[in-house]
Amino acid sequence: QVQLVESGGGLVQPGGSLRLSCTASGNIHSIKDMLWFRQTPGQEREFVARIRLDGSTEYRGSVQGRFSISRDNAKNTVYLQMNNLKLEDTAVYYCNMYIRPATTTWWGDYWGQGTQVTVSS
């Protein structure tokens, strides 16, 4: 059974920083893309950042230059470094990975449970 566990959320003042982590555990053959999404109450979940297996990245426009996504393939972990946080960054952040479980030939879309990030003065 593959599971994703996130950590690192919390309360921070505007202009502050947080680092989110998400680790996949279980019997895993390989992981392709790793992504972060976020969601606020009553809104659709929205894309934040992606990192591909080759290390290439892409970001939502509003976080470009402030957020940085990275990965540690040996640890099956993705990180999201968030700097210069703004009030509008407040949301529940979810990690998402495209994973091939061990002993299978198919790929699945897996999600973490979410971690709350609150930016407030």
N, C-alpha and C. Protein backbone atom coordinates (compact mmCIF):
# COMPACT_ATOMS: atom_id res chain seq x y z
N GLN A 1 0.85 -1.19 0.00
CA GLN A 1 0.00 0.00 0.00
C GLN A 1 0.89 1.24 0.00
N VAL A 2 0.70 2.09 -0.99
CA VAL A 2 1.49 3.31 -1.08
C VAL A 2 0.79 4.43 -0.33
N GLN A 3 1.53 5.17 0.47
CA GLN A 3 0.98 6.31 1.20
C GLN A 3 1.88 7.51 1.06
N LEU A 4 1.26 8.70 1.07
CA LEU A 4 2.00 9.95 1.05
C LEU A 4 1.72 10.69 2.35
N VAL A 5 2.77 11.11 3.01
CA VAL A 5 2.62 11.82 4.28
C VAL A 5 3.33 13.17 4.18
N GLU A 6 2.58 14.23 4.47
CA GLU A 6 3.11 15.58 4.39
C GLU A 6 3.44 16.11 5.77
N SER A 7 4.31 17.11 5.79
CA SER A 7 4.65 17.79 7.05
C SER A 7 5.17 19.18 6.72
N GLY A 8 5.22 20.03 7.75
CA GLY A 8 5.84 21.33 7.58
C GLY A 8 4.90 22.52 7.55
N GLY A 9 3.60 22.27 7.55
CA GLY A 9 2.68 23.39 7.56
C GLY A 9 2.68 24.12 8.89
N GLY A 10 1.97 25.25 8.93
CA GLY A 10 1.90 25.99 10.18
C GLY A 10 1.45 27.42 9.96
N LEU A 11 1.63 28.22 11.00
CA LEU A 11 1.26 29.64 10.99
C LEU A 11 2.51 30.48 10.82
N VAL A 12 2.45 31.43 9.90
CA VAL A 12 3.60 32.29 9.64
C VAL A 12 3.11 33.68 9.31
N GLN A 13 3.92 34.67 9.61
CA GLN A 13 3.57 36.05 9.29
C GLN A 13 3.87 36.36 7.83
N PRO A 14 3.19 37.34 7.28
CA PRO A 14 3.51 37.75 5.89
C PRO A 14 4.99 38.07 5.75
N GLY A 15 5.57 37.60 4.64
CA GLY A 15 7.00 37.76 4.42
C GLY A 15 7.84 36.63 4.97
N GLY A 16 7.23 35.76 5.73
CA GLY A 16 7.96 34.63 6.32
C GLY A 16 8.13 33.47 5.37
N SER A 17 8.71 32.39 5.89
CA SER A 17 9.02 31.22 5.08
C SER A 17 8.55 29.95 5.77
N LEU A 18 8.23 28.97 4.97
CA LEU A 18 7.93 27.62 5.44
C LEU A 18 8.48 26.64 4.41
N ARG A 19 8.79 25.43 4.89
CA ARG A 19 9.21 24.37 3.99
C ARG A 19 8.31 23.16 4.22
N LEU A 20 7.62 22.75 3.17
CA LEU A 20 6.77 21.57 3.23
C LEU A 20 7.55 20.36 2.71
N SER A 21 7.24 19.20 3.29
CA SER A 21 7.82 17.94 2.84
C SER A 21 6.71 16.94 2.61
N CYS A 22 6.94 16.03 1.70
CA CYS A 22 5.99 14.95 1.44
C CYS A 22 6.79 13.71 1.06
N THR A 23 6.58 12.63 1.81
CA THR A 23 7.31 11.39 1.59
C THR A 23 6.37 10.26 1.24
N ALA A 24 6.71 9.56 0.19
CA ALA A 24 5.95 8.37 -0.21
C ALA A 24 6.56 7.13 0.42
N SER A 25 5.70 6.28 0.96
CA SER A 25 6.17 5.04 1.58
C SER A 25 5.37 3.87 1.04
N GLY A 26 5.90 2.66 1.27
CA GLY A 26 5.26 1.46 0.75
C GLY A 26 6.14 0.81 -0.30
N ASN A 27 5.57 -0.16 -0.99
CA ASN A 27 6.33 -0.87 -2.02
C ASN A 27 6.25 -0.10 -3.33
N ILE A 28 7.30 0.65 -3.61
CA ILE A 28 7.32 1.55 -4.76
C ILE A 28 8.38 1.12 -5.75
N HIS A 29 7.97 1.03 -7.02
CA HIS A 29 8.94 0.73 -8.07
C HIS A 29 9.61 2.02 -8.53
N SER A 30 8.82 3.03 -8.88
CA SER A 30 9.38 4.29 -9.33
C SER A 30 8.32 5.40 -9.24
N ILE A 31 8.82 6.62 -9.27
CA ILE A 31 7.98 7.81 -9.21
C ILE A 31 8.35 8.75 -10.34
N LYS A 32 7.35 9.19 -11.07
CA LYS A 32 7.61 10.18 -12.12
C LYS A 32 7.42 11.59 -11.54
N ASP A 33 6.36 12.26 -11.96
CA ASP A 33 6.15 13.63 -11.52
C ASP A 33 5.76 13.71 -10.04
N MET A 34 6.24 14.78 -9.40
CA MET A 34 5.83 15.11 -8.04
C MET A 34 5.27 16.54 -8.08
N LEU A 35 4.14 16.75 -7.47
CA LEU A 35 3.46 18.04 -7.57
C LEU A 35 2.95 18.51 -6.22
N TRP A 36 2.70 19.80 -6.14
CA TRP A 36 1.99 20.41 -5.02
C TRP A 36 0.77 21.15 -5.54
N PHE A 37 -0.33 20.98 -4.83
CA PHE A 37 -1.57 21.70 -5.09
C PHE A 37 -1.97 22.39 -3.79
N ARG A 38 -2.94 23.30 -3.88
CA ARG A 38 -3.48 23.92 -2.67
C ARG A 38 -4.97 24.19 -2.87
N GLN A 39 -5.64 24.30 -1.74
CA GLN A 39 -7.09 24.50 -1.80
C GLN A 39 -7.55 25.32 -0.61
N THR A 40 -8.44 26.28 -0.89
CA THR A 40 -9.09 27.06 0.15
C THR A 40 -10.57 26.68 0.17
N PRO A 41 -11.24 26.92 1.29
CA PRO A 41 -12.64 26.54 1.41
C PRO A 41 -13.51 27.12 0.29
N GLY A 42 -14.31 26.26 -0.32
CA GLY A 42 -15.21 26.69 -1.37
C GLY A 42 -14.57 26.89 -2.73
N GLN A 43 -13.27 26.61 -2.82
CA GLN A 43 -12.57 26.82 -4.09
C GLN A 43 -12.07 25.48 -4.65
N GLU A 44 -11.81 25.48 -5.95
CA GLU A 44 -11.22 24.31 -6.58
C GLU A 44 -9.76 24.17 -6.14
N ARG A 45 -9.31 22.92 -6.08
CA ARG A 45 -7.90 22.68 -5.80
C ARG A 45 -7.10 23.23 -6.98
N GLU A 46 -6.02 23.94 -6.70
CA GLU A 46 -5.25 24.57 -7.77
C GLU A 46 -3.79 24.12 -7.75
N PHE A 47 -3.23 24.06 -8.94
CA PHE A 47 -1.85 23.67 -9.13
C PHE A 47 -0.92 24.72 -8.56
N VAL A 48 0.15 24.27 -7.91
CA VAL A 48 1.15 25.19 -7.37
C VAL A 48 2.51 24.99 -8.06
N ALA A 49 2.99 23.74 -8.08
CA ALA A 49 4.31 23.48 -8.65
C ALA A 49 4.44 22.01 -9.03
N ARG A 50 5.34 21.77 -9.98
CA ARG A 50 5.61 20.41 -10.46
C ARG A 50 7.11 20.24 -10.63
N ILE A 51 7.60 19.03 -10.31
CA ILE A 51 8.97 18.67 -10.66
C ILE A 51 8.95 17.30 -11.31
N ARG A 52 9.53 17.21 -12.48
CA ARG A 52 9.55 15.96 -13.21
C ARG A 52 10.76 15.11 -12.80
N LEU A 53 10.80 13.89 -13.29
CA LEU A 53 11.89 12.99 -12.94
C LEU A 53 13.23 13.56 -13.40
N ASP A 54 13.22 14.30 -14.51
CA ASP A 54 14.48 14.85 -15.01
C ASP A 54 14.89 16.13 -14.29
N GLY A 55 14.08 16.54 -13.31
CA GLY A 55 14.42 17.73 -12.51
C GLY A 55 13.85 19.03 -13.03
N SER A 56 13.20 18.99 -14.18
CA SER A 56 12.60 20.21 -14.70
C SER A 56 11.39 20.60 -13.87
N THR A 57 11.15 21.87 -13.76
CA THR A 57 10.10 22.37 -12.87
C THR A 57 9.18 23.34 -13.60
N GLU A 58 8.00 23.51 -13.02
CA GLU A 58 7.10 24.56 -13.46
C GLU A 58 6.29 25.03 -12.27
N TYR A 59 5.83 26.29 -12.33
CA TYR A 59 5.16 26.91 -11.19
C TYR A 59 3.91 27.67 -11.63
N ARG A 60 3.02 27.79 -10.69
CA ARG A 60 1.90 28.71 -10.84
C ARG A 60 2.49 30.12 -10.90
N GLY A 61 1.90 30.96 -11.72
CA GLY A 61 2.45 32.29 -11.92
C GLY A 61 2.59 33.10 -10.65
N SER A 62 1.60 32.98 -9.76
CA SER A 62 1.59 33.82 -8.57
C SER A 62 2.65 33.42 -7.54
N VAL A 63 3.25 32.25 -7.69
CA VAL A 63 4.29 31.81 -6.74
C VAL A 63 5.68 31.81 -7.38
N GLN A 64 5.73 32.04 -8.69
CA GLN A 64 7.02 32.05 -9.39
C GLN A 64 7.98 33.04 -8.72
N GLY A 65 9.19 32.58 -8.44
CA GLY A 65 10.17 33.45 -7.80
C GLY A 65 10.12 33.46 -6.29
N ARG A 66 9.05 32.94 -5.71
CA ARG A 66 8.92 32.88 -4.25
C ARG A 66 8.98 31.44 -3.74
N PHE A 67 8.44 30.51 -4.50
CA PHE A 67 8.40 29.09 -4.11
C PHE A 67 9.42 28.32 -4.93
N SER A 68 9.95 27.27 -4.33
CA SER A 68 10.90 26.41 -5.02
C SER A 68 10.60 24.95 -4.69
N ILE A 69 10.41 24.16 -5.73
CA ILE A 69 10.14 22.73 -5.54
C ILE A 69 11.41 21.93 -5.81
N SER A 70 11.64 20.90 -5.02
CA SER A 70 12.80 20.04 -5.20
C SER A 70 12.42 18.62 -4.79
N ARG A 71 13.28 17.67 -5.12
CA ARG A 71 12.98 16.28 -4.79
C ARG A 71 14.25 15.54 -4.42
N ASP A 72 14.06 14.52 -3.58
CA ASP A 72 15.13 13.60 -3.22
C ASP A 72 14.65 12.22 -3.61
N ASN A 73 15.13 11.72 -4.72
CA ASN A 73 14.63 10.45 -5.23
C ASN A 73 14.99 9.28 -4.32
N ALA A 74 16.12 9.36 -3.66
CA ALA A 74 16.52 8.27 -2.77
C ALA A 74 15.57 8.14 -1.58
N LYS A 75 14.93 9.26 -1.21
CA LYS A 75 14.02 9.27 -0.07
C LYS A 75 12.55 9.31 -0.50
N ASN A 76 12.29 9.28 -1.80
CA ASN A 76 10.91 9.38 -2.31
C ASN A 76 10.20 10.60 -1.72
N THR A 77 10.90 11.71 -1.69
CA THR A 77 10.40 12.89 -1.02
C THR A 77 10.44 14.11 -1.94
N VAL A 78 9.40 14.93 -1.82
CA VAL A 78 9.34 16.19 -2.52
C VAL A 78 9.22 17.30 -1.49
N TYR A 79 9.85 18.42 -1.79
CA TYR A 79 9.85 19.57 -0.89
C TYR A 79 9.25 20.78 -1.61
N LEU A 80 8.70 21.69 -0.81
CA LEU A 80 8.25 22.97 -1.34
C LEU A 80 8.74 24.04 -0.39
N GLN A 81 9.76 24.78 -0.82
CA GLN A 81 10.27 25.90 -0.04
C GLN A 81 9.46 27.13 -0.41
N MET A 82 8.82 27.72 0.58
CA MET A 82 7.95 28.87 0.33
C MET A 82 8.52 30.08 1.05
N ASN A 83 8.92 31.07 0.28
CA ASN A 83 9.49 32.30 0.82
C ASN A 83 8.59 33.49 0.53
N ASN A 84 8.79 34.56 1.28
CA ASN A 84 8.01 35.79 1.09
C ASN A 84 6.51 35.47 1.00
N LEU A 85 6.04 34.72 1.98
CA LEU A 85 4.64 34.29 1.97
C LEU A 85 3.69 35.46 2.08
N LYS A 86 2.56 35.33 1.39
CA LYS A 86 1.54 36.36 1.36
C LYS A 86 0.24 35.82 1.95
N LEU A 87 -0.65 36.74 2.34
CA LEU A 87 -1.92 36.32 2.92
C LEU A 87 -2.66 35.36 2.00
N GLU A 88 -2.57 35.61 0.70
CA GLU A 88 -3.30 34.80 -0.26
C GLU A 88 -2.70 33.41 -0.48
N ASP A 89 -1.58 33.13 0.15
CA ASP A 89 -1.01 31.78 0.10
C ASP A 89 -1.64 30.85 1.13
N THR A 90 -2.48 31.39 2.00
CA THR A 90 -3.16 30.58 3.00
C THR A 90 -4.04 29.54 2.33
N ALA A 91 -3.82 28.27 2.68
CA ALA A 91 -4.56 27.17 2.06
C ALA A 91 -4.13 25.86 2.71
N VAL A 92 -4.85 24.81 2.38
CA VAL A 92 -4.38 23.46 2.65
C VAL A 92 -3.55 23.03 1.44
N TYR A 93 -2.34 22.59 1.69
CA TYR A 93 -1.43 22.18 0.62
C TYR A 93 -1.38 20.66 0.54
N TYR A 94 -1.52 20.14 -0.68
CA TYR A 94 -1.52 18.70 -0.93
C TYR A 94 -0.38 18.32 -1.86
N CYS A 95 0.30 17.24 -1.54
CA CYS A 95 1.27 16.71 -2.50
C CYS A 95 0.59 15.63 -3.35
N ASN A 96 1.13 15.45 -4.52
CA ASN A 96 0.58 14.51 -5.49
C ASN A 96 1.74 13.88 -6.24
N MET A 97 1.73 12.57 -6.37
CA MET A 97 2.80 11.87 -7.07
C MET A 97 2.22 10.84 -8.02
N TYR A 98 2.92 10.66 -9.12
CA TYR A 98 2.56 9.65 -10.11
C TYR A 98 3.51 8.47 -9.89
N ILE A 99 2.96 7.38 -9.33
CA ILE A 99 3.77 6.29 -8.79
C ILE A 99 3.44 4.97 -9.45
N ARG A 100 4.49 4.19 -9.71
CA ARG A 100 4.31 2.81 -10.11
C ARG A 100 4.64 1.94 -8.90
N PRO A 101 3.65 1.27 -8.34
CA PRO A 101 3.93 0.39 -7.20
C PRO A 101 4.80 -0.80 -7.63
N ALA A 102 5.53 -1.33 -6.67
CA ALA A 102 6.37 -2.49 -6.96
C ALA A 102 5.52 -3.67 -7.42
N THR A 103 6.07 -4.50 -8.25
CA THR A 103 5.45 -5.72 -8.80
C THR A 103 4.23 -5.42 -9.65
N THR A 104 4.10 -4.19 -10.12
CA THR A 104 3.00 -3.85 -11.04
C THR A 104 3.57 -3.25 -12.32
N THR A 105 2.70 -3.11 -13.33
CA THR A 105 3.11 -2.45 -14.57
C THR A 105 2.30 -1.18 -14.79
N TRP A 106 1.44 -0.83 -13.84
CA TRP A 106 0.62 0.36 -14.02
C TRP A 106 1.08 1.48 -13.11
N TRP A 107 0.62 2.69 -13.47
CA TRP A 107 0.95 3.89 -12.70
C TRP A 107 -0.32 4.43 -12.07
N GLY A 108 -0.19 4.95 -10.86
CA GLY A 108 -1.33 5.50 -10.15
C GLY A 108 -1.06 6.92 -9.68
N ASP A 109 -2.14 7.65 -9.46
CA ASP A 109 -2.10 9.03 -8.98
C ASP A 109 -2.37 9.01 -7.48
N TYR A 110 -1.40 9.43 -6.68
CA TYR A 110 -1.52 9.35 -5.23
C TYR A 110 -1.49 10.75 -4.61
N TRP A 111 -2.24 10.90 -3.51
CA TRP A 111 -2.36 12.19 -2.84
C TRP A 111 -2.02 12.08 -1.36
N GLY A 112 -1.44 13.14 -0.82
CA GLY A 112 -1.26 13.25 0.61
C GLY A 112 -2.54 13.71 1.27
N GLN A 113 -2.51 13.77 2.60
CA GLN A 113 -3.70 14.12 3.37
C GLN A 113 -3.89 15.63 3.49
N GLY A 114 -2.89 16.39 3.14
CA GLY A 114 -2.98 17.84 3.21
C GLY A 114 -2.36 18.39 4.48
N THR A 115 -1.77 19.57 4.36
CA THR A 115 -1.20 20.25 5.52
C THR A 115 -1.57 21.73 5.44
N GLN A 116 -2.02 22.27 6.55
CA GLN A 116 -2.52 23.65 6.58
C GLN A 116 -1.37 24.63 6.64
N VAL A 117 -1.43 25.62 5.75
CA VAL A 117 -0.51 26.76 5.79
C VAL A 117 -1.36 28.02 6.01
N THR A 118 -1.07 28.74 7.08
CA THR A 118 -1.81 29.95 7.38
C THR A 118 -0.84 31.12 7.46
N VAL A 119 -1.09 32.13 6.62
CA VAL A 119 -0.27 33.34 6.63
C VAL A 119 -1.12 34.45 7.23
N SER A 120 -0.68 34.95 8.37
CA SER A 120 -1.48 35.94 9.09
C SER A 120 -0.59 36.80 9.96
N SER A 121 -0.96 38.06 10.10
CA SER A 121 -0.22 38.96 10.99
C SER A 121 -0.89 38.99 12.37
